PDB file of N, CA and C in Angstrom:
ATOM      1  N   MET A   1      43.280 -83.312  33.670  1.00  0.00           N
ATOM      2  CA  MET A   1      41.943 -83.287  33.971  1.00  0.00           C
ATOM      3  C   MET A   1      42.003 -82.041  34.423  1.00  0.00           C
ATOM      4  N   THR A   2      42.526 -81.131  35.359  1.00  0.00           N
ATOM      5  CA  THR A   2      42.814 -79.789  36.090  1.00  0.00           C
ATOM      6  C   THR A   2      42.871 -78.510  35.554  1.00  0.00           C
ATOM      7  N   VAL A   3      42.711 -78.538  33.569  1.00  0.00           N
ATOM      8  CA  VAL A   3      42.825 -77.837  32.826  1.00  0.00           C
ATOM      9  C   VAL A   3      41.186 -77.750  32.800  1.00  0.00           C
ATOM     10  N   ASP A   4      40.186 -79.105  32.240  1.00  0.00           N
ATOM     11  CA  ASP A   4      39.168 -79.389  32.102  1.00  0.00           C
ATOM     12  C   ASP A   4      38.362 -77.940  33.250  1.00  0.00           C
ATOM     13  N   ALA A   5      39.041 -78.528  34.109  1.00  0.00           N
ATOM     14  CA  ALA A   5      37.539 -78.494  36.224  1.00  0.00           C
ATOM     15  C   ALA A   5      38.279 -76.990  36.441  1.00  0.00           C
ATOM     16  N   LEU A   6      39.226 -76.303  35.712  1.00  0.00           N
ATOM     17  CA  LEU A   6      39.626 -74.876  35.182  1.00  0.00           C
ATOM     18  C   LEU A   6      38.460 -74.054  34.400  1.00  0.00           C
ATOM     19  N   ALA A   7      38.136 -75.297  33.109  1.00  0.00           N
ATOM     20  CA  ALA A   7      37.492 -73.924  32.312  1.00  0.00           C
ATOM     21  C   ALA A   7      36.074 -73.787  32.592  1.00  0.00           C
ATOM     22  N   ALA A   8      36.017 -75.122  33.768  1.00  0.00           N
ATOM     23  CA  ALA A   8      34.481 -75.092  33.992  1.00  0.00           C
ATOM     24  C   ALA A   8      34.385 -74.630  34.658  1.00  0.00           C
ATOM     25  N   LEU A   9      35.076 -74.150  35.197  1.00  0.00           N
ATOM     26  CA  LEU A   9      34.760 -73.060  36.988  1.00  0.00           C
ATOM     27  C   LEU A   9      35.129 -72.287  36.429  1.00  0.00           C
ATOM     28  N   LYS A  10      35.769 -71.646  35.677  1.00  0.00           N
ATOM     29  CA  LYS A  10      35.369 -70.393  34.193  1.00  0.00           C
ATOM     30  C   LYS A  10      34.278 -70.235  33.836  1.00  0.00           C
ATOM     31  N   ALA A  11      33.753 -71.521  33.051  1.00  0.00           N
ATOM     32  CA  ALA A  11      32.390 -70.495  32.825  1.00  0.00           C
ATOM     33  C   ALA A  11      31.347 -71.334  34.084  1.00  0.00           C
ATOM     34  N   TYR A  12      31.467 -70.861  35.255  1.00  0.00           N
ATOM     35  CA  TYR A  12      30.057 -71.052  35.691  1.00  0.00           C
ATOM     36  C   TYR A  12      30.193 -69.673  36.991  1.00  0.00           C
ATOM     37  N   SER A  13      31.814 -69.897  36.932  1.00  0.00           N
ATOM     38  CA  SER A  13      31.281 -67.545  37.756  1.00  0.00           C
ATOM     39  C   SER A  13      31.404 -66.510  36.746  1.00  0.00           C
ATOM     40  N   ALA A  14      31.697 -67.260  35.059  1.00  0.00           N
ATOM     41  CA  ALA A  14      31.130 -66.112  34.485  1.00  0.00           C
ATOM     42  C   ALA A  14      29.288 -66.327  34.332  1.00  0.00           C
ATOM     43  N   ALA A  15      29.736 -67.124  34.222  1.00  0.00           N
ATOM     44  CA  ALA A  15      27.565 -67.467  33.629  1.00  0.00           C
ATOM     45  C   ALA A  15      26.692 -66.913  35.414  1.00  0.00           C
ATOM     46  N   ALA A  16      27.951 -66.863  36.540  1.00  0.00           N
ATOM     47  CA  ALA A  16      27.116 -66.715  37.800  1.00  0.00           C
ATOM     48  C   ALA A  16      27.276 -64.815  37.080  1.00  0.00           C
ATOM     49  N   GLY A  17      28.409 -63.822  36.989  1.00  0.00           N
ATOM     50  CA  GLY A  17      29.108 -62.875  36.823  1.00  0.00           C
ATOM     51  C   GLY A  17      27.564 -62.370  35.313  1.00  0.00           C
ATOM     52  N   ALA A  18      27.434 -63.330  34.914  1.00  0.00           N
ATOM     53  CA  ALA A  18      26.201 -62.998  34.102  1.00  0.00           C
ATOM     54  C   ALA A  18      25.092 -63.313  34.503  1.00  0.00           C
ATOM     55  N   VAL A  19      24.505 -63.496  35.672  1.00  0.00           N
ATOM     56  CA  VAL A  19      23.377 -62.995  36.474  1.00  0.00           C
ATOM     57  C   VAL A  19      22.685 -61.912  36.603  1.00  0.00           C
ATOM     58  N   LYS A  20      21.747 -61.597  36.315  1.00  0.00           N
ATOM     59  CA  LYS A  20      20.709 -60.203  36.838  1.00  0.00           C
ATOM     60  C   LYS A  20      19.708 -60.570  37.577  1.00  0.00           C
ATOM     61  N   ASP A  21      19.451 -59.789  38.148  1.00  0.00           N
ATOM     62  CA  ASP A  21      18.311 -60.535  38.683  1.00  0.00           C
ATOM     63  C   ASP A  21      17.199 -59.193  38.495  1.00  0.00           C
ATOM     64  N   PRO A  22      15.854 -59.516  37.577  1.00  0.00           N
ATOM     65  CA  PRO A  22      14.615 -57.736  36.917  1.00  0.00           C
ATOM     66  C   PRO A  22      13.791 -58.139  38.800  1.00  0.00           C
ATOM     67  N   ALA A  23      14.231 -58.276  39.573  1.00  0.00           N
ATOM     68  CA  ALA A  23      13.621 -58.471  40.884  1.00  0.00           C
ATOM     69  C   ALA A  23      13.320 -56.441  41.259  1.00  0.00           C
ATOM     70  N   ALA A  24      12.507 -55.796  41.827  1.00  0.00           N
ATOM     71  CA  ALA A  24      12.669 -54.532  42.448  1.00  0.00           C
ATOM     72  C   ALA A  24      13.759 -54.638  43.747  1.00  0.00           C
ATOM     73  N   GLY A  25      13.204 -55.941  44.167  1.00  0.00           N
ATOM     74  CA  GLY A  25      13.555 -55.182  45.917  1.00  0.00           C
ATOM     75  C   GLY A  25      14.832 -56.189  45.684  1.00  0.00           C
ATOM     76  N   LEU A  26      15.772 -56.281  45.008  1.00  0.00           N
ATOM     77  CA  LEU A  26      16.941 -56.238  44.994  1.00  0.00           C
ATOM     78  C   LEU A  26      18.077 -55.843  45.723  1.00  0.00           C
ATOM     79  N   ALA A  27      17.690 -54.192  44.965  1.00  0.00           N
ATOM     80  CA  ALA A  27      18.612 -53.318  45.543  1.00  0.00           C
ATOM     81  C   ALA A  27      18.554 -53.474  47.177  1.00  0.00           C
ATOM     82  N   ALA A  28      17.277 -53.287  47.717  1.00  0.00           N
ATOM     83  CA  ALA A  28      16.561 -53.195  49.000  1.00  0.00           C
ATOM     84  C   ALA A  28      17.589 -55.139  50.136  1.00  0.00           C
ATOM     85  N   LYS A  29      16.988 -55.828  49.260  1.00  0.00           N
ATOM     86  CA  LYS A  29      17.704 -56.588  49.332  1.00  0.00           C
ATOM     87  C   LYS A  29      19.580 -56.058  50.264  1.00  0.00           C
ATOM     88  N   GLU A  30      20.224 -56.094  49.008  1.00  0.00           N
ATOM     89  CA  GLU A  30      21.440 -55.751  49.810  1.00  0.00           C
ATOM     90  C   GLU A  30      21.525 -54.922  50.356  1.00  0.00           C
ATOM     91  N   ALA A  31      20.828 -53.503  49.965  1.00  0.00           N
ATOM     92  CA  ALA A  31      20.773 -52.930  51.788  1.00  0.00           C
ATOM     93  C   ALA A  31      20.420 -53.692  52.752  1.00  0.00           C
ATOM     94  N   ALA A  32      19.292 -54.161  53.237  1.00  0.00           N
ATOM     95  CA  ALA A  32      19.760 -54.798  53.989  1.00  0.00           C
ATOM     96  C   ALA A  32      20.985 -56.022  54.597  1.00  0.00           C
ATOM     97  N   GLY A  33      21.510 -56.189  54.136  1.00  0.00           N
ATOM     98  CA  GLY A  33      22.352 -56.832  54.330  1.00  0.00           C
ATOM     99  C   GLY A  33      21.953 -58.196  53.857  1.00  0.00           C
ATOM    100  N   ALA A  34      20.614 -58.674  52.646  1.00  0.00           N
ATOM    101  CA  ALA A  34      20.637 -59.844  52.825  1.00  0.00           C
ATOM    102  C   ALA A  34      22.190 -60.242  51.682  1.00  0.00           C
ATOM    103  N   PRO A  35      21.765 -62.134  52.159  1.00  0.00           N
ATOM    104  CA  PRO A  35      23.140 -61.932  50.774  1.00  0.00           C
ATOM    105  C   PRO A  35      22.427 -62.350  48.935  1.00  0.00           C
ATOM    106  N   ASP A  36      23.510 -62.121  48.730  1.00  0.00           N
ATOM    107  CA  ASP A  36      23.304 -62.639  47.103  1.00  0.00           C
ATOM    108  C   ASP A  36      23.597 -63.489  47.104  1.00  0.00           C
ATOM    109  N   PHE A  37      23.184 -64.396  46.213  1.00  0.00           N
ATOM    110  CA  PHE A  37      23.010 -66.080  45.693  1.00  0.00           C
ATOM    111  C   PHE A  37      24.414 -65.903  45.065  1.00  0.00           C
ATOM    112  N   ALA A  38      23.800 -65.315  43.844  1.00  0.00           N
ATOM    113  CA  ALA A  38      25.239 -64.672  42.773  1.00  0.00           C
ATOM    114  C   ALA A  38      26.555 -64.716  43.279  1.00  0.00           C
ATOM    115  N   ALA A  39      25.960 -63.890  44.235  1.00  0.00           N
ATOM    116  CA  ALA A  39      28.115 -63.660  45.022  1.00  0.00           C
ATOM    117  C   ALA A  39      28.519 -64.374  45.508  1.00  0.00           C
ATOM    118  N   LEU A  40      27.340 -65.051  45.493  1.00  0.00           N
ATOM    119  CA  LEU A  40      27.557 -66.994  46.980  1.00  0.00           C
ATOM    120  C   LEU A  40      28.502 -67.896  46.067  1.00  0.00           C
ATOM    121  N   VAL A  41      27.620 -68.498  44.755  1.00  0.00           N
ATOM    122  CA  VAL A  41      28.228 -68.480  43.742  1.00  0.00           C
ATOM    123  C   VAL A  41      29.537 -68.036  43.212  1.00  0.00           C
ATOM    124  N   LYS A  42      29.104 -66.868  43.340  1.00  0.00           N
ATOM    125  CA  LYS A  42      30.459 -66.648  42.630  1.00  0.00           C
ATOM    126  C   LYS A  42      32.323 -66.045  43.289  1.00  0.00           C
ATOM    127  N   ASP A  43      31.834 -66.090  45.013  1.00  0.00           N
ATOM    128  CA  ASP A  43      32.524 -66.711  45.875  1.00  0.00           C
ATOM    129  C   ASP A  43      33.688 -68.261  46.198  1.00  0.00           C
ATOM    130  N   ALA A  44      32.484 -68.919  45.975  1.00  0.00           N
ATOM    131  CA  ALA A  44      32.561 -69.943  45.771  1.00  0.00           C
ATOM    132  C   ALA A  44      33.502 -71.236  44.604  1.00  0.00           C
ATOM    133  N   VAL A  45      33.061 -70.483  43.807  1.00  0.00           N
ATOM    134  CA  VAL A  45      33.847 -70.287  42.432  1.00  0.00           C
ATOM    135  C   VAL A  45      35.421 -70.022  42.426  1.00  0.00           C
ATOM    136  N   ALA A  46      35.704 -68.828  42.550  1.00  0.00           N
ATOM    137  CA  ALA A  46      36.779 -68.183  42.720  1.00  0.00           C
ATOM    138  C   ALA A  46      37.589 -68.671  44.149  1.00  0.00           C
ATOM    139  N   SER A  47      37.175 -69.606  45.155  1.00  0.00           N
ATOM    140  CA  SER A  47      37.476 -70.378  45.674  1.00  0.00           C
ATOM    141  C   SER A  47      37.676 -71.333  45.696  1.00  0.00           C
ATOM    142  N   THR A  48      37.060 -72.089  45.306  1.00  0.00           N
ATOM    143  CA  THR A  48      37.668 -73.286  43.773  1.00  0.00           C
ATOM    144  C   THR A  48      39.234 -73.537  43.168  1.00  0.00           C
ATOM    145  N   GLU A  49      38.661 -72.577  42.165  1.00  0.00           N
ATOM    146  CA  GLU A  49      39.345 -71.521  41.982  1.00  0.00           C
ATOM    147  C   GLU A  49      40.764 -71.380  42.543  1.00  0.00           C
ATOM    148  N   GLY A  50      41.306 -70.824  43.287  1.00  0.00           N
ATOM    149  CA  GLY A  50      42.352 -70.985  43.868  1.00  0.00           C
ATOM    150  C   GLY A  50      43.253 -71.753  44.527  1.00  0.00           C
ATOM    151  N   THR A  51      42.880 -72.656  45.138  1.00  0.00           N
ATOM    152  CA  THR A  51      42.474 -74.279  45.771  1.00  0.00           C
ATOM    153  C   THR A  51      43.015 -75.097  44.758  1.00  0.00           C
ATOM    154  N   LEU A  52      42.542 -74.668  43.805  1.00  0.00           N
ATOM    155  CA  LEU A  52      43.093 -75.625  42.197  1.00  0.00           C
ATOM    156  C   LEU A  52      44.333 -75.480  41.519  1.00  0.00           C
ATOM    157  N   ARG A  53      44.487 -74.330  41.845  1.00  0.00           N
ATOM    158  CA  ARG A  53      45.526 -73.090  41.663  1.00  0.00           C
ATOM    159  C   ARG A  53      46.780 -73.294  42.028  1.00  0.00           C
ATOM    160  N   HIS A  54      46.638 -73.403  43.609  1.00  0.00           N
ATOM    161  CA  HIS A  54      47.734 -73.627  44.504  1.00  0.00           C
ATOM    162  C   HIS A  54      48.315 -75.315  44.457  1.00  0.00           C
ATOM    163  N   ALA A  55      47.332 -76.758  43.684  1.00  0.00           N
ATOM    164  CA  ALA A  55      48.018 -76.922  44.284  1.00  0.00           C
ATOM    165  C   ALA A  55      48.891 -77.352  43.139  1.00  0.00           C
ATOM    166  N   GLU A  56      48.028 -76.833  41.226  1.00  0.00           N
ATOM    167  CA  GLU A  56      48.939 -77.434  40.688  1.00  0.00           C
ATOM    168  C   GLU A  56      49.952 -76.196  40.804  1.00  0.00           C
ATOM    169  N   SER A  57      50.423 -75.884  41.187  1.00  0.00           N
ATOM    170  CA  SER A  57      52.113 -74.543  40.909  1.00  0.00           C
ATOM    171  C   SER A  57      53.013 -75.089  42.325  1.00  0.00           C
ATOM    172  N   ILE A  58      52.075 -75.674  43.934  1.00  0.00           N
ATOM    173  CA  ILE A  58      53.378 -76.554  44.784  1.00  0.00           C
ATOM    174  C   ILE A  58      53.206 -77.899  44.300  1.00  0.00           C
ATOM    175  N   THR A  59      52.406 -78.680  42.537  1.00  0.00           N
ATOM    176  CA  THR A  59      52.552 -80.202  42.158  1.00  0.00           C
ATOM    177  C   THR A  59      53.595 -79.283  41.271  1.00  0.00           C
ATOM    178  N   ALA A  60      53.346 -78.569  40.253  1.00  0.00           N
ATOM    179  CA  ALA A  60      54.939 -78.115  40.098  1.00  0.00           C
ATOM    180  C   ALA A  60      56.096 -77.663  40.262  1.00  0.00           C
ATOM    181  N   ALA A  61      55.868 -76.865  41.720  1.00  0.00           N
ATOM    182  CA  ALA A  61      57.721 -77.271  42.556  1.00  0.00           C
ATOM    183  C   ALA A  61      58.066 -78.214  42.839  1.00  0.00           C
ATOM    184  N   GLY A  62      56.936 -79.518  43.437  1.00  0.00           N
ATOM    185  CA  GLY A  62      57.068 -80.592  43.826  1.00  0.00           C
ATOM    186  C   GLY A  62      57.876 -81.621  42.724  1.00  0.00           C
ATOM    187  N   ALA A  63      58.031 -81.236  41.595  1.00  0.00           N
ATOM    188  CA  ALA A  63      57.765 -82.197  40.230  1.00  0.00           C
ATOM    189  C   ALA A  63      59.819 -81.513  40.245  1.00  0.00           C
ATOM    190  N   LEU A  64      60.088 -80.077  40.816  1.00  0.00           N
ATOM    191  CA  LEU A  64      60.957 -79.547  40.528  1.00  0.00           C
ATOM    192  C   LEU A  64      62.110 -80.019  41.664  1.00  0.00           C
ATOM    193  N   GLY A  65      61.731 -80.226  42.803  1.00  0.00           N
ATOM    194  CA  GLY A  65      62.017 -80.680  44.176  1.00  0.00           C
ATOM    195  C   GLY A  65      62.260 -79.247  45.014  1.00  0.00           C
ATOM    196  N   GLN A  66      61.789 -78.635  44.903  1.00  0.00           N
ATOM    197  CA  GLN A  66      61.060 -77.421  45.674  1.00  0.00           C
ATOM    198  C   GLN A  66      60.321 -77.478  46.592  1.00  0.00           C
ATOM    199  N   ALA A  67      59.414 -78.295  46.721  1.00  0.00           N
ATOM    200  CA  ALA A  67      58.896 -78.431  47.856  1.00  0.00           C
ATOM    201  C   ALA A  67      58.440 -79.661  48.236  1.00  0.00           C
ATOM    202  N   ASP A  68      58.075 -79.494  49.185  1.00  0.00           N
ATOM    203  CA  ASP A  68      57.893 -81.054  50.179  1.00  0.00           C
ATOM    204  C   ASP A  68      57.185 -81.850  49.575  1.00  0.00           C
ATOM    205  N   LEU A  69      56.976 -82.965  49.763  1.00  0.00           N
ATOM    206  CA  LEU A  69      56.326 -84.497  49.236  1.00  0.00           C
ATOM    207  C   LEU A  69      54.925 -84.128  49.746  1.00  0.00           C
ATOM    208  N   VAL A  70      55.211 -83.649  51.348  1.00  0.00           N
ATOM    209  CA  VAL A  70      53.913 -83.674  52.736  1.00  0.00           C
ATOM    210  C   VAL A  70      53.475 -82.426  52.303  1.00  0.00           C
ATOM    211  N   ASP A  71      53.739 -81.254  51.930  1.00  0.00           N
ATOM    212  CA  ASP A  71      52.766 -80.216  51.199  1.00  0.00           C
ATOM    213  C   ASP A  71      52.211 -80.475  49.483  1.00  0.00           C
ATOM    214  N   VAL A  72      52.950 -81.019  48.313  1.00  0.00           N
ATOM    215  CA  VAL A  72      52.294 -81.991  47.286  1.00  0.00           C
ATOM    216  C   VAL A  72      51.034 -82.436  48.388  1.00  0.00           C
ATOM    217  N   VAL A  73      50.594 -83.142  48.430  1.00  0.00           N
ATOM    218  CA  VAL A  73      50.120 -84.665  49.240  1.00  0.00           C
ATOM    219  C   VAL A  73      48.897 -83.662  49.589  1.00  0.00           C
ATOM    220  N   THR A  74      49.358 -82.771  50.608  1.00  0.00           N
ATOM    221  CA  THR A  74      48.397 -82.048  51.107  1.00  0.00           C
ATOM    222  C   THR A  74      47.227 -81.067  50.391  1.00  0.00           C
ATOM    223  N   ALA A  75      48.307 -80.611  49.532  1.00  0.00           N
ATOM    224  CA  ALA A  75      47.545 -79.773  47.592  1.00  0.00           C
ATOM    225  C   ALA A  75      46.464 -80.598  46.759  1.00  0.00           C
ATOM    226  N   VAL A  76      47.184 -81.206  46.580  1.00  0.00           N
ATOM    227  CA  VAL A  76      46.585 -82.798  45.978  1.00  0.00           C
ATOM    228  C   VAL A  76      45.424 -82.498  46.262  1.00  0.00           C
ATOM    229  N   THR A  77      45.233 -83.087  47.399  1.00  0.00           N
ATOM    230  CA  THR A  77      43.888 -83.371  47.826  1.00  0.00           C
ATOM    231  C   THR A  77      43.381 -83.098  49.121  1.00  0.00           C
ATOM    232  N   ALA A  78      43.933 -81.789  49.341  1.00  0.00           N
ATOM    233  CA  ALA A  78      42.985 -79.982  49.498  1.00  0.00           C
ATOM    234  C   ALA A  78      42.367 -79.770  48.351  1.00  0.00           C
ATOM    235  N   ALA A  79      42.532 -80.405  47.106  1.00  0.00           N
ATOM    236  CA  ALA A  79      42.325 -79.669  45.145  1.00  0.00           C
ATOM    237  C   ALA A  79      40.962 -80.890  45.345  1.00  0.00           C
ATOM    238  N   GLU A  80      40.948 -82.139  45.209  1.00  0.00           N
ATOM    239  CA  GLU A  80      40.501 -82.876  45.034  1.00  0.00           C
ATOM    240  C   GLU A  80      39.507 -83.008  46.047  1.00  0.00           C
ATOM    241  N   VAL A  81      39.111 -83.168  47.289  1.00  0.00           N
ATOM    242  CA  VAL A  81      37.725 -82.605  48.054  1.00  0.00           C
ATOM    243  C   VAL A  81      37.378 -82.030  47.583  1.00  0.00           C
ATOM    244  N   THR A  82      38.127 -81.012  47.145  1.00  0.00           N
ATOM    245  CA  THR A  82      36.986 -78.860  47.063  1.00  0.00           C
ATOM    246  C   THR A  82      36.470 -79.545  44.720  1.00  0.00           C
ATOM    247  N   MET A  83      37.096 -80.040  44.612  1.00  0.00           N
ATOM    248  CA  MET A  83      36.480 -80.287  43.153  1.00  0.00           C
ATOM    249  C   MET A  83      35.275 -81.572  43.323  1.00  0.00           C
ATOM    250  N   GLU A  84      35.771 -82.558  44.251  1.00  0.00           N
ATOM    251  CA  GLU A  84      34.421 -83.607  45.020  1.00  0.00           C
ATOM    252  C   GLU A  84      32.851 -82.905  45.222  1.00  0.00           C
ATOM    253  N   THR A  85      32.819 -81.474  45.758  1.00  0.00           N
ATOM    254  CA  THR A  85      32.605 -81.107  46.385  1.00  0.00           C
ATOM    255  C   THR A  85      31.270 -80.448  45.713  1.00  0.00           C
ATOM    256  N   VAL A  86      32.061 -79.527  44.747  1.00  0.00           N
ATOM    257  CA  VAL A  86      31.894 -78.932  43.463  1.00  0.00           C
ATOM    258  C   VAL A  86      31.123 -79.853  42.442  1.00  0.00           C
ATOM    259  N   ILE A  87      31.768 -81.429  42.232  1.00  0.00           N
ATOM    260  CA  ILE A  87      30.755 -81.694  41.793  1.00  0.00           C
ATOM    261  C   ILE A  87      29.890 -82.221  42.037  1.00  0.00           C
ATOM    262  N   ALA A  88      29.602 -83.179  43.351  1.00  0.00           N
ATOM    263  CA  ALA A  88      28.613 -83.062  44.650  1.00  0.00           C
ATOM    264  C   ALA A  88      27.231 -82.307  44.611  1.00  0.00           C
ATOM    265  N   VAL A  89      27.722 -80.412  44.159  1.00  0.00           N
ATOM    266  CA  VAL A  89      27.349 -79.065  44.232  1.00  0.00           C
ATOM    267  C   VAL A  89      26.045 -79.429  42.827  1.00  0.00           C
ATOM    268  N   ARG A  90      26.789 -79.135  41.838  1.00  0.00           N
ATOM    269  CA  ARG A  90      26.715 -79.524  40.919  1.00  0.00           C
ATOM    270  C   ARG A  90      25.317 -80.051  40.087  1.00  0.00           C
ATOM    271  N   ASP A  91      25.598 -82.141  40.867  1.00  0.00           N
ATOM    272  CA  ASP A  91      24.601 -82.527  40.344  1.00  0.00           C
ATOM    273  C   ASP A  91      23.517 -82.521  40.961  1.00  0.00           C
ATOM    274  N   GLU A  92      23.399 -81.882  42.301  1.00  0.00           N
ATOM    275  CA  GLU A  92      22.208 -81.681  43.137  1.00  0.00           C
ATOM    276  C   GLU A  92      21.696 -81.427  42.111  1.00  0.00           C
ATOM    277  N   VAL A  93      21.765 -79.628  41.951  1.00  0.00           N
ATOM    278  CA  VAL A  93      21.378 -77.988  41.827  1.00  0.00           C
ATOM    279  C   VAL A  93      20.798 -79.235  39.875  1.00  0.00           C
ATOM    280  N   ILE A  94      21.602 -79.889  39.564  1.00  0.00           N
ATOM    281  CA  ILE A  94      20.967 -80.284  38.010  1.00  0.00           C
ATOM    282  C   ILE A  94      19.919 -81.685  38.470  1.00  0.00           C
ATOM    283  N   ARG A  95      19.528 -82.670  39.929  1.00  0.00           N
ATOM    284  CA  ARG A  95      18.927 -83.284  40.711  1.00  0.00           C
ATOM    285  C   ARG A  95      17.585 -82.434  39.761  1.00  0.00           C
ATOM    286  N   ALA A  96      17.807 -81.134  40.824  1.00  0.00           N
ATOM    287  CA  ALA A  96      16.771 -80.107  41.624  1.00  0.00           C
ATOM    288  C   ALA A  96      16.044 -79.537  40.727  1.00  0.00           C
ATOM    289  N   TYR A  97      17.326 -79.498  39.607  1.00  0.00           N
ATOM    290  CA  TYR A  97      16.434 -78.856  37.876  1.00  0.00           C
ATOM    291  C   TYR A  97      15.890 -79.759  37.166  1.00  0.00           C
ATOM    292  N   GLN A  98      15.269 -80.761  36.861  1.00  0.00           N
ATOM    293  CA  GLN A  98      14.533 -81.911  37.016  1.00  0.00           C
ATOM    294  C   GLN A  98      13.605 -82.006  37.725  1.00  0.00           C
ATOM    295  N   ASP A  99      13.479 -82.570  39.151  1.00  0.00           N
ATOM    296  CA  ASP A  99      12.113 -82.932  39.759  1.00  0.00           C
ATOM    297  C   ASP A  99      11.680 -80.997  39.369  1.00  0.00           C
ATOM    298  N   ILE A 100      12.112 -80.212  39.202  1.00  0.00           N
ATOM    299  CA  ILE A 100      11.704 -78.826  38.973  1.00  0.00           C
ATOM    300  C   ILE A 100      10.265 -78.884  37.511  1.00  0.00           C
ATOM    301  N   LEU A 101      11.788 -79.901  36.384  1.00  0.00           N
ATOM    302  CA  LEU A 101      10.847 -79.341  35.463  1.00  0.00           C
ATOM    303  C   LEU A 101       9.846 -81.258  35.081  1.00  0.00           C
ATOM    304  N   ARG A 102       9.491 -82.106  36.416  1.00  0.00           N
ATOM    305  CA  ARG A 102       8.787 -82.536  36.115  1.00  0.00           C
ATOM    306  C   ARG A 102       7.591 -82.295  37.166  1.00  0.00           C
ATOM    307  N   MET A 103       7.611 -81.216  37.147  1.00  0.00           N
ATOM    308  CA  MET A 103       6.190 -81.025  38.066  1.00  0.00           C
ATOM    309  C   MET A 103       5.252 -80.229  37.596  1.00  0.00           C
ATOM    310  N   PRO A 104       4.478 -81.113  38.187  1.00  0.00           N
ATOM    311  CA  PRO A 104       2.878 -81.111  37.180  1.00  0.00           C
ATOM    312  C   PRO A 104       2.126 -79.454  36.954  1.00  0.00           C
ATOM    313  N   ILE A 105       1.820 -78.385  35.735  1.00  0.00           N
ATOM    314  CA  ILE A 105       1.629 -77.348  36.353  1.00  0.00           C
ATOM    315  C   ILE A 105      -0.109 -76.866  36.569  1.00  0.00           C
TER     316      ILE A 105
END
């Protein structure tokens, strides 16, 4: 399951990196310090991917007897909470997109 989650996160990261904003005011917003949505998504995906990789490495170390059980449980729990958050955000984005599609023109 972790490999599928990492593949999905990499796909989200690639999609976020491929987003180009055609608006002419983007440079002005960035100069003013306004947050860039694509950058926020990229940072969130990178953070999630880092949490999952850390949990995977701690779990492997625990299987080899090189990590404490408490560290393994803590890392796996953090990864689980992070994935639940990503899934909840994804579901809300899909729900919002479907609501937009149902709007009368």
